[in-house]
């Protein structure tokens, strides 16, 4: 995905995040349904990615198409996507898929925190392993002529203990692989689950080894800031000179001396 589209996706994820705290599986299902419409309608994709069209015009087009058929959260999420710039028509569809999968991972997270995400990831891995070990299953699930509902039913029978969130993603990949092998699409979904799991890990880099008391205080502070029980991965790097660097998900807090020195040098050079 080109830089323009990547920036638009980042904005869309930021817009979606506040809606995920109370989201149910209905939200990603609605987003997947809109994705199906987008994938089937090249004219609509062109209209929504046309840089000459105003955001209000695109929002009006989407309102005519979606109002009363999906929730307000789903409609506003798609409208936000359309309000930004995209390098290609395909990118807006791929971005919508990413948003839908992210919503599924958030529901798994709601149910049991990091354990819910681990369960979702394991269910997807289990499905991949079962299918990869059987060429007849691969052919059956890849058969473009077979009814999507029948293939989805077969797929879910392979992992009878899968969570509801895993079932949604497996069914989506089987019924709408979007030009990929279903297994390849599920592997992409696994990557997004793994990305969501990073929200539960604090990677801490310190100049020297921290004491148990310091680690305990740091963990308590980070848990309070992020509102969840984080796992700390701590490493040392003497080149920092002093201070800490903390990374949680995509957020980095650099309180190292080396960082402040670099900022000072840039200021002086400017």
C-alpha atoms as a PDB file:
ATOM      1  CA  UNK A   1       0.000   0.000   0.000  1.00  0.00           C
ATOM      2  CA  UNK A   2       1.482   3.365  -1.055  1.00  0.00           C
ATOM      3  CA  UNK A   3       2.283   6.043   1.534  1.00  0.00           C
ATOM      4  CA  UNK A   4      -0.845   8.105   0.807  1.00  0.00           C
ATOM      5  CA  UNK A   5      -3.072   5.080   1.311  1.00  0.00           C
ATOM      6  CA  UNK A   6      -1.117   3.987   4.398  1.00  0.00           C
ATOM      7  CA  UNK A   7      -1.695   7.404   5.969  1.00  0.00           C
ATOM      8  CA  UNK A   8      -5.403   7.184   5.188  1.00  0.00           C
ATOM      9  CA  UNK A   9      -5.587   3.708   6.738  1.00  0.00           C
ATOM     10  CA  UNK A  10      -3.862   4.981   9.882  1.00  0.00           C
ATOM     11  CA  UNK A  11      -6.460   7.766  10.158  1.00  0.00           C
ATOM     12  CA  UNK A  12      -9.271   5.254   9.647  1.00  0.00           C
ATOM     13  CA  UNK A  13      -7.932   2.984  12.400  1.00  0.00           C
ATOM     14  CA  UNK A  14      -7.664   5.966  14.734  1.00  0.00           C
ATOM     15  CA  UNK A  15     -11.263   6.914  13.901  1.00  0.00           C
ATOM     16  CA  UNK A  16     -12.488   3.350  14.493  1.00  0.00           C
ATOM     17  CA  UNK A  17     -10.699   2.714  17.792  1.00  0.00           C
ATOM     18  CA  UNK A  18     -13.120   4.597  20.123  1.00  0.00           C
ATOM     19  CA  UNK A  19     -16.021   2.594  18.672  1.00  0.00           C
ATOM     20  CA  UNK A  20     -14.399  -0.739  19.521  1.00  0.00           C
ATOM     21  CA  UNK A  21     -14.697  -0.618  23.315  1.00  0.00           C
ATOM     22  CA  UNK A  22     -18.376  -1.580  23.162  1.00  0.00           C
ATOM     23  CA  UNK A  23     -18.533  -3.133  19.695  1.00  0.00           C
ATOM     24  CA  UNK A  24     -20.158  -6.488  19.049  1.00  0.00           C
ATOM     25  CA  UNK A  25     -19.522  -8.827  16.130  1.00  0.00           C
ATOM     26  CA  UNK A  26     -22.296  -7.037  14.256  1.00  0.00           C
ATOM     27  CA  UNK A  27     -19.946  -4.151  13.449  1.00  0.00           C
ATOM     28  CA  UNK A  28     -17.294  -6.228  11.601  1.00  0.00           C
ATOM     29  CA  UNK A  29     -20.023  -8.250   9.907  1.00  0.00           C
ATOM     30  CA  UNK A  30     -21.521  -5.013   8.589  1.00  0.00           C
ATOM     31  CA  UNK A  31     -18.118  -3.793   7.429  1.00  0.00           C
ATOM     32  CA  UNK A  32     -17.509  -7.093   5.634  1.00  0.00           C
ATOM     33  CA  UNK A  33     -20.928  -6.716   3.973  1.00  0.00           C
ATOM     34  CA  UNK A  34     -20.008  -3.242   2.716  1.00  0.00           C
ATOM     35  CA  UNK A  35     -16.692  -4.662   1.505  1.00  0.00           C
ATOM     36  CA  UNK A  36     -18.595  -7.191  -0.579  1.00  0.00           C
ATOM     37  CA  UNK A  37     -20.536  -4.346  -2.198  1.00  0.00           C
ATOM     38  CA  UNK A  38     -17.340  -2.400  -2.889  1.00  0.00           C
ATOM     39  CA  UNK A  39     -15.574  -5.399  -4.404  1.00  0.00           C
ATOM     40  CA  UNK A  40     -18.531  -6.028  -6.719  1.00  0.00           C
ATOM     41  CA  UNK A  41     -18.917  -2.424  -7.881  1.00  0.00           C
ATOM     42  CA  UNK A  42     -15.969  -0.804  -9.675  1.00  0.00           C
ATOM     43  CA  UNK A  43     -17.993   2.345 -10.320  1.00  0.00           C
ATOM     44  CA  UNK A  44     -18.600   2.833  -6.608  1.00  0.00           C
ATOM     45  CA  UNK A  45     -14.909   2.336  -5.815  1.00  0.00           C
ATOM     46  CA  UNK A  46     -13.986   4.937  -8.445  1.00  0.00           C
ATOM     47  CA  UNK A  47     -16.502   7.382  -7.011  1.00  0.00           C
ATOM     48  CA  UNK A  48     -15.240   6.955  -3.458  1.00  0.00           C
ATOM     49  CA  UNK A  49     -11.568   7.310  -4.419  1.00  0.00           C
ATOM     50  CA  UNK A  50     -12.030  10.158  -6.900  1.00  0.00           C
ATOM     51  CA  UNK A  51      -9.901  13.068  -5.572  1.00  0.00           C
ATOM     52  CA  UNK A  52     -12.049  15.540  -7.493  1.00  0.00           C
ATOM     53  CA  UNK A  53     -15.126  14.672  -5.414  1.00  0.00           C
ATOM     54  CA  UNK A  54     -15.729  16.499  -2.147  1.00  0.00           C
ATOM     55  CA  UNK A  55     -15.945  14.455   1.065  1.00  0.00           C
ATOM     56  CA  UNK A  56     -19.520  15.671   1.590  1.00  0.00           C
ATOM     57  CA  UNK A  57     -20.511  14.342  -1.849  1.00  0.00           C
ATOM     58  CA  UNK A  58     -18.997  10.944  -1.054  1.00  0.00           C
ATOM     59  CA  UNK A  59     -20.718  10.861   2.341  1.00  0.00           C
ATOM     60  CA  UNK A  60     -24.036  11.641   0.666  1.00  0.00           C
ATOM     61  CA  UNK A  61     -23.495   8.808  -1.807  1.00  0.00           C
ATOM     62  CA  UNK A  62     -22.766   6.394   1.017  1.00  0.00           C
ATOM     63  CA  UNK A  63     -25.781   7.568   3.011  1.00  0.00           C
ATOM     64  CA  UNK A  64     -28.038   6.763   0.072  1.00  0.00           C
ATOM     65  CA  UNK A  65     -26.443   3.342  -0.203  1.00  0.00           C
ATOM     66  CA  UNK A  66     -26.098   2.353   3.461  1.00  0.00           C
ATOM     67  CA  UNK A  67     -28.539   4.294   5.637  1.00  0.00           C
ATOM     68  CA  UNK A  68     -31.002   1.988   7.327  1.00  0.00           C
ATOM     69  CA  UNK A  69     -29.050  -1.072   6.209  1.00  0.00           C
ATOM     70  CA  UNK A  70     -26.079  -0.841   8.580  1.00  0.00           C
ATOM     71  CA  UNK A  71     -25.455   0.774  11.964  1.00  0.00           C
ATOM     72  CA  UNK A  72     -24.425   4.398  12.352  1.00  0.00           C
ATOM     73  CA  UNK A  73     -20.965   3.244  13.457  1.00  0.00           C
ATOM     74  CA  UNK A  74     -20.480   1.183  10.300  1.00  0.00           C
ATOM     75  CA  UNK A  75     -21.748   3.990   8.066  1.00  0.00           C
ATOM     76  CA  UNK A  76     -19.543   6.644   9.682  1.00  0.00           C
ATOM     77  CA  UNK A  77     -16.514   4.340   9.502  1.00  0.00           C
ATOM     78  CA  UNK A  78     -16.953   3.822   5.765  1.00  0.00           C
ATOM     79  CA  UNK A  79     -17.682   7.526   5.252  1.00  0.00           C
ATOM     80  CA  UNK A  80     -14.431   8.399   7.037  1.00  0.00           C
ATOM     81  CA  UNK A  81     -12.557   6.047   4.699  1.00  0.00           C
ATOM     82  CA  UNK A  82     -14.060   7.746   1.673  1.00  0.00           C
ATOM     83  CA  UNK A  83     -13.181  11.222   2.993  1.00  0.00           C
ATOM     84  CA  UNK A  84      -9.439  10.568   2.667  1.00  0.00           C
ATOM     85  CA  UNK A  85      -7.120  10.029  -0.307  1.00  0.00           C
ATOM     86  CA  UNK A  86      -6.240   6.650  -1.817  1.00  0.00           C
ATOM     87  CA  UNK A  87      -3.556   5.670  -4.287  1.00  0.00           C
ATOM     88  CA  UNK A  88      -5.761   3.065  -5.951  1.00  0.00           C
ATOM     89  CA  UNK A  89      -9.304   1.748  -5.905  1.00  0.00           C
ATOM     90  CA  UNK A  90      -8.093  -1.553  -4.447  1.00  0.00           C
ATOM     91  CA  UNK A  91      -6.522   0.206  -1.470  1.00  0.00           C
ATOM     92  CA  UNK A  92      -9.826   1.468  -0.063  1.00  0.00           C
ATOM     93  CA  UNK A  93     -11.247  -2.072  -0.186  1.00  0.00           C
ATOM     94  CA  UNK A  94      -8.152  -3.530   1.458  1.00  0.00           C
ATOM     95  CA  UNK A  95      -8.365  -0.844   4.139  1.00  0.00           C
ATOM     96  CA  UNK A  96     -12.009  -1.665   4.836  1.00  0.00           C
ATOM     97  CA  UNK A  97     -11.059  -5.320   5.228  1.00  0.00           C
ATOM     98  CA  UNK A  98      -8.356  -4.323   7.721  1.00  0.00           C
ATOM     99  CA  UNK A  99     -10.888  -2.291   9.713  1.00  0.00           C
ATOM    100  CA  UNK A 100     -13.337  -5.202   9.789  1.00  0.00           C
ATOM    101  CA  UNK A 101     -10.689  -7.666  10.978  1.00  0.00           C
ATOM    102  CA  UNK A 102      -9.471  -5.159  13.575  1.00  0.00           C
ATOM    103  CA  UNK A 103     -13.039  -4.921  14.885  1.00  0.00           C
ATOM    104  CA  UNK A 104     -13.171  -8.716  15.212  1.00  0.00           C
ATOM    105  CA  UNK A 105      -9.901  -8.718  17.171  1.00  0.00           C
ATOM    106  CA  UNK A 106     -11.282  -6.005  19.455  1.00  0.00           C
ATOM    107  CA  UNK A 107     -14.309  -8.181  20.258  1.00  0.00           C
ATOM    108  CA  UNK A 108     -11.970 -11.075  21.131  1.00  0.00           C
ATOM    109  CA  UNK A 109     -10.015  -8.637  23.300  1.00  0.00           C
ATOM    110  CA  UNK A 110     -13.196  -7.507  25.075  1.00  0.00           C
ATOM    111  CA  UNK A 111     -14.093 -11.068  25.973  1.00  0.00           C
ATOM    112  CA  UNK A 112     -10.847 -12.078  27.663  1.00  0.00           C
ATOM    113  CA  UNK A 113      -8.133  -9.488  27.123  1.00  0.00           C
ATOM    114  CA  UNK A 114      -4.823 -10.820  25.843  1.00  0.00           C
ATOM    115  CA  UNK A 115      -6.050 -14.389  26.389  1.00  0.00           C
ATOM    116  CA  UNK A 116      -8.961 -13.755  24.033  1.00  0.00           C
ATOM    117  CA  UNK A 117      -6.548 -12.626  21.330  1.00  0.00           C
ATOM    118  CA  UNK A 118      -4.301 -15.642  21.953  1.00  0.00           C
ATOM    119  CA  UNK A 119      -7.316 -17.947  21.598  1.00  0.00           C
ATOM    120  CA  UNK A 120      -8.321 -16.273  18.339  1.00  0.00           C
ATOM    121  CA  UNK A 121      -4.792 -16.583  16.968  1.00  0.00           C
ATOM    122  CA  UNK A 122      -4.551 -20.249  17.967  1.00  0.00           C
ATOM    123  CA  UNK A 123      -7.920 -21.067  16.387  1.00  0.00           C
ATOM    124  CA  UNK A 124      -6.801 -19.536  13.105  1.00  0.00           C
ATOM    125  CA  UNK A 125      -3.481 -21.363  13.236  1.00  0.00           C
ATOM    126  CA  UNK A 126      -5.296 -24.638  13.945  1.00  0.00           C
ATOM    127  CA  UNK A 127      -7.484 -24.149  10.878  1.00  0.00           C
ATOM    128  CA  UNK A 128      -4.462 -23.377   8.696  1.00  0.00           C
ATOM    129  CA  UNK A 129      -2.675 -26.518   9.888  1.00  0.00           C
ATOM    130  CA  UNK A 130      -5.676 -28.774   9.248  1.00  0.00           C
ATOM    131  CA  UNK A 131      -6.197 -27.476   5.717  1.00  0.00           C
ATOM    132  CA  UNK A 132      -2.514 -27.490   4.782  1.00  0.00           C
ATOM    133  CA  UNK A 133      -2.259 -31.143   5.758  1.00  0.00           C
ATOM    134  CA  UNK A 134      -5.026 -32.227   3.370  1.00  0.00           C
ATOM    135  CA  UNK A 135      -4.849 -31.472  -0.362  1.00  0.00           C
ATOM    136  CA  UNK A 136      -8.449 -32.571  -0.945  1.00  0.00           C
ATOM    137  CA  UNK A 137      -9.647 -30.022   1.602  1.00  0.00           C
ATOM    138  CA  UNK A 138      -7.584 -27.337  -0.081  1.00  0.00           C
ATOM    139  CA  UNK A 139      -9.155 -28.100  -3.450  1.00  0.00           C
ATOM    140  CA  UNK A 140     -12.654 -28.155  -1.961  1.00  0.00           C
ATOM    141  CA  UNK A 141     -12.212 -24.810  -0.195  1.00  0.00           C
ATOM    142  CA  UNK A 142     -10.521 -23.211  -3.222  1.00  0.00           C
ATOM    143  CA  UNK A 143     -13.265 -24.345  -5.640  1.00  0.00           C
ATOM    144  CA  UNK A 144     -14.694 -21.124  -7.083  1.00  0.00           C
ATOM    145  CA  UNK A 145     -17.727 -22.977  -8.445  1.00  0.00           C
ATOM    146  CA  UNK A 146     -18.819 -24.401  -5.072  1.00  0.00           C
ATOM    147  CA  UNK A 147     -21.454 -22.448  -3.082  1.00  0.00           C
ATOM    148  CA  UNK A 148     -19.857 -20.145  -0.515  1.00  0.00           C
ATOM    149  CA  UNK A 149     -22.241 -21.283   2.233  1.00  0.00           C
ATOM    150  CA  UNK A 150     -21.327 -24.942   1.693  1.00  0.00           C
ATOM    151  CA  UNK A 151     -17.598 -24.175   1.788  1.00  0.00           C
ATOM    152  CA  UNK A 152     -18.000 -22.075   4.922  1.00  0.00           C
ATOM    153  CA  UNK A 153     -19.965 -24.846   6.651  1.00  0.00           C
ATOM    154  CA  UNK A 154     -17.252 -27.364   5.752  1.00  0.00           C
ATOM    155  CA  UNK A 155     -14.518 -25.036   7.016  1.00  0.00           C
ATOM    156  CA  UNK A 156     -16.176 -24.519  10.398  1.00  0.00           C
ATOM    157  CA  UNK A 157     -16.569 -28.269  10.890  1.00  0.00           C
ATOM    158  CA  UNK A 158     -12.772 -28.537  10.777  1.00  0.00           C
ATOM    159  CA  UNK A 159     -12.402 -26.439  13.943  1.00  0.00           C
ATOM    160  CA  UNK A 160     -15.489 -27.264  16.044  1.00  0.00           C
ATOM    161  CA  UNK A 161     -14.102 -25.586  19.172  1.00  0.00           C
ATOM    162  CA  UNK A 162     -13.184 -22.309  17.478  1.00  0.00           C
ATOM    163  CA  UNK A 163     -14.348 -19.096  19.115  1.00  0.00           C
ATOM    164  CA  UNK A 164     -17.106 -17.023  17.519  1.00  0.00           C
ATOM    165  CA  UNK A 165     -14.543 -14.435  16.482  1.00  0.00           C
ATOM    166  CA  UNK A 166     -12.458 -17.097  14.713  1.00  0.00           C
ATOM    167  CA  UNK A 167     -15.568 -18.462  13.022  1.00  0.00           C
ATOM    168  CA  UNK A 168     -16.349 -15.018  11.604  1.00  0.00           C
ATOM    169  CA  UNK A 169     -12.866 -14.631  10.126  1.00  0.00           C
ATOM    170  CA  UNK A 170     -12.706 -18.173   8.768  1.00  0.00           C
ATOM    171  CA  UNK A 171     -16.108 -17.838   7.135  1.00  0.00           C
ATOM    172  CA  UNK A 172     -15.113 -14.496   5.625  1.00  0.00           C
ATOM    173  CA  UNK A 173     -11.885 -15.868   4.159  1.00  0.00           C
ATOM    174  CA  UNK A 174     -13.629 -18.914   2.707  1.00  0.00           C
ATOM    175  CA  UNK A 175     -16.643 -17.107   1.245  1.00  0.00           C
ATOM    176  CA  UNK A 176     -14.810 -13.986   0.007  1.00  0.00           C
ATOM    177  CA  UNK A 177     -11.064 -14.652  -0.463  1.00  0.00           C
ATOM    178  CA  UNK A 178     -10.776 -11.560  -2.700  1.00  0.00           C
ATOM    179  CA  UNK A 179      -8.442 -13.075  -5.260  1.00  0.00           C
ATOM    180  CA  UNK A 180      -6.285 -14.934  -2.737  1.00  0.00           C
ATOM    181  CA  UNK A 181      -6.186 -18.512  -1.542  1.00  0.00           C
ATOM    182  CA  UNK A 182      -8.364 -18.653   1.615  1.00  0.00           C
ATOM    183  CA  UNK A 183      -5.393 -19.848   3.670  1.00  0.00           C
ATOM    184  CA  UNK A 184      -3.294 -16.895   2.466  1.00  0.00           C
ATOM    185  CA  UNK A 185      -6.053 -14.497   3.530  1.00  0.00           C
ATOM    186  CA  UNK A 186      -6.345 -16.126   6.953  1.00  0.00           C
ATOM    187  CA  UNK A 187      -2.586 -15.730   7.348  1.00  0.00           C
ATOM    188  CA  UNK A 188      -3.088 -12.011   6.711  1.00  0.00           C
ATOM    189  CA  UNK A 189      -5.785 -12.004   9.392  1.00  0.00           C
ATOM    190  CA  UNK A 190      -3.347 -13.682  11.813  1.00  0.00           C
ATOM    191  CA  UNK A 191      -0.907 -10.814  11.257  1.00  0.00           C
ATOM    192  CA  UNK A 192      -3.598  -8.328  12.285  1.00  0.00           C
ATOM    193  CA  UNK A 193      -4.386 -10.371  15.399  1.00  0.00           C
ATOM    194  CA  UNK A 194      -0.687 -10.339  16.275  1.00  0.00           C
ATOM    195  CA  UNK A 195      -0.592  -6.574  15.790  1.00  0.00           C
ATOM    196  CA  UNK A 196      -3.504  -6.179  18.222  1.00  0.00           C
ATOM    197  CA  UNK A 197      -1.665  -8.363  20.735  1.00  0.00           C
ATOM    198  CA  UNK A 198       1.184  -5.845  20.766  1.00  0.00           C
ATOM    199  CA  UNK A 199      -1.160  -3.487  22.638  1.00  0.00           C
ATOM    200  CA  UNK A 200      -0.734  -5.806  25.628  1.00  0.00           C
ATOM    201  CA  UNK A 201       3.069  -5.805  25.587  1.00  0.00           C
ATOM    202  CA  UNK A 202       5.286  -2.996  26.854  1.00  0.00           C
ATOM    203  CA  UNK A 203       8.775  -3.222  25.375  1.00  0.00           C
ATOM    204  CA  UNK A 204      11.043  -1.315  27.728  1.00  0.00           C
ATOM    205  CA  UNK A 205      14.657  -0.416  26.944  1.00  0.00           C
ATOM    206  CA  UNK A 206      16.820   0.926  29.765  1.00  0.00           C
ATOM    207  CA  UNK A 207      20.451   1.961  30.044  1.00  0.00           C
ATOM    208  CA  UNK A 208      20.997  -0.374  33.004  1.00  0.00           C
ATOM    209  CA  UNK A 209      19.165  -3.328  34.477  1.00  0.00           C
ATOM    210  CA  UNK A 210      16.148  -2.168  36.489  1.00  0.00           C
ATOM    211  CA  UNK A 211      15.595  -3.408  40.035  1.00  0.00           C
ATOM    212  CA  UNK A 212      12.510  -5.416  40.974  1.00  0.00           C
ATOM    213  CA  UNK A 213      11.105  -2.376  42.791  1.00  0.00           C
ATOM    214  CA  UNK A 214      11.655  -0.165  39.750  1.00  0.00           C
ATOM    215  CA  UNK A 215      10.022  -2.732  37.460  1.00  0.00           C
ATOM    216  CA  UNK A 216       7.039  -3.000  39.784  1.00  0.00           C
ATOM    217  CA  UNK A 217       6.571   0.780  39.877  1.00  0.00           C
ATOM    218  CA  UNK A 218       6.957   1.016  36.105  1.00  0.00           C
ATOM    219  CA  UNK A 219       4.454  -1.782  35.505  1.00  0.00           C
ATOM    220  CA  UNK A 220       1.914  -0.208  37.866  1.00  0.00           C
ATOM    221  CA  UNK A 221       2.283   3.180  36.150  1.00  0.00           C
ATOM    222  CA  UNK A 222       1.974   1.748  32.642  1.00  0.00           C
ATOM    223  CA  UNK A 223      -1.065  -0.358  33.569  1.00  0.00           C
ATOM    224  CA  UNK A 224      -2.721   2.766  34.964  1.00  0.00           C
ATOM    225  CA  UNK A 225      -1.930   4.800  31.847  1.00  0.00           C
ATOM    226  CA  UNK A 226      -3.130   2.173  29.354  1.00  0.00           C
ATOM    227  CA  UNK A 227      -5.970   0.743  31.426  1.00  0.00           C
ATOM    228  CA  UNK A 228      -4.944  -2.887  31.010  1.00  0.00           C
ATOM    229  CA  UNK A 229      -2.532  -5.440  32.468  1.00  0.00           C
ATOM    230  CA  UNK A 230       0.568  -5.176  30.299  1.00  0.00           C
ATOM    231  CA  UNK A 231       3.350  -7.715  29.947  1.00  0.00           C
ATOM    232  CA  UNK A 232       6.782  -6.098  30.284  1.00  0.00           C
ATOM    233  CA  UNK A 233       9.629  -7.120  27.983  1.00  0.00           C
ATOM    234  CA  UNK A 234      12.730  -5.388  29.330  1.00  0.00           C
ATOM    235  CA  UNK A 235      16.112  -5.045  27.604  1.00  0.00           C
ATOM    236  CA  UNK A 236      19.183  -2.909  28.244  1.00  0.00           C
ATOM    237  CA  UNK A 237      21.019  -0.590  25.846  1.00  0.00           C
ATOM    238  CA  UNK A 238      23.909   1.477  27.230  1.00  0.00           C
ATOM    239  CA  UNK A 239      23.841   3.719  24.135  1.00  0.00           C
ATOM    240  CA  UNK A 240      20.734   5.415  25.540  1.00  0.00           C
ATOM    241  CA  UNK A 241      23.061   7.057  28.119  1.00  0.00           C
ATOM    242  CA  UNK A 242      20.166   7.375  30.578  1.00  0.00           C
ATOM    243  CA  UNK A 243      16.381   7.218  30.836  1.00  0.00           C
ATOM    244  CA  UNK A 244      13.957   4.790  29.192  1.00  0.00           C
ATOM    245  CA  UNK A 245      12.292   3.998  25.888  1.00  0.00           C
ATOM    246  CA  UNK A 246       8.846   2.383  26.168  1.00  0.00           C
ATOM    247  CA  UNK A 247       6.921   0.953  23.215  1.00  0.00           C
ATOM    248  CA  UNK A 248       3.319  -0.222  23.516  1.00  0.00           C
ATOM    249  CA  UNK A 249       1.733  -1.185  20.209  1.00  0.00           C
ATOM    250  CA  UNK A 250       2.456   1.632  17.760  1.00  0.00           C
ATOM    251  CA  UNK A 251       3.091   4.172  20.522  1.00  0.00           C
ATOM    252  CA  UNK A 252       6.668   4.973  21.503  1.00  0.00           C
ATOM    253  CA  UNK A 253       7.652   7.092  24.497  1.00  0.00           C
ATOM    254  CA  UNK A 254      11.335   8.012  24.239  1.00  0.00           C
ATOM    255  CA  UNK A 255      12.566   9.507  27.498  1.00  0.00           C
ATOM    256  CA  UNK A 256      16.213   8.603  26.941  1.00  0.00           C
ATOM    257  CA  UNK A 257      19.102  11.019  27.298  1.00  0.00           C
ATOM    258  CA  UNK A 258      20.323  10.034  23.823  1.00  0.00           C
ATOM    259  CA  UNK A 259      17.011  11.149  22.353  1.00  0.00           C
ATOM    260  CA  UNK A 260      17.145  14.512  24.127  1.00  0.00           C
ATOM    261  CA  UNK A 261      20.740  15.048  22.962  1.00  0.00           C
ATOM    262  CA  UNK A 262      19.691  14.275  19.376  1.00  0.00           C
ATOM    263  CA  UNK A 263      16.834  16.794  19.665  1.00  0.00           C
ATOM    264  CA  UNK A 264      19.238  19.427  20.963  1.00  0.00           C
ATOM    265  CA  UNK A 265      21.625  18.789  18.078  1.00  0.00           C
ATOM    266  CA  UNK A 266      18.790  19.153  15.566  1.00  0.00           C
ATOM    267  CA  UNK A 267      17.697  22.397  17.200  1.00  0.00           C
ATOM    268  CA  UNK A 268      21.224  23.788  17.103  1.00  0.00           C
ATOM    269  CA  UNK A 269      21.667  22.720  13.479  1.00  0.00           C
ATOM    270  CA  UNK A 270      18.422  24.449  12.594  1.00  0.00           C
END
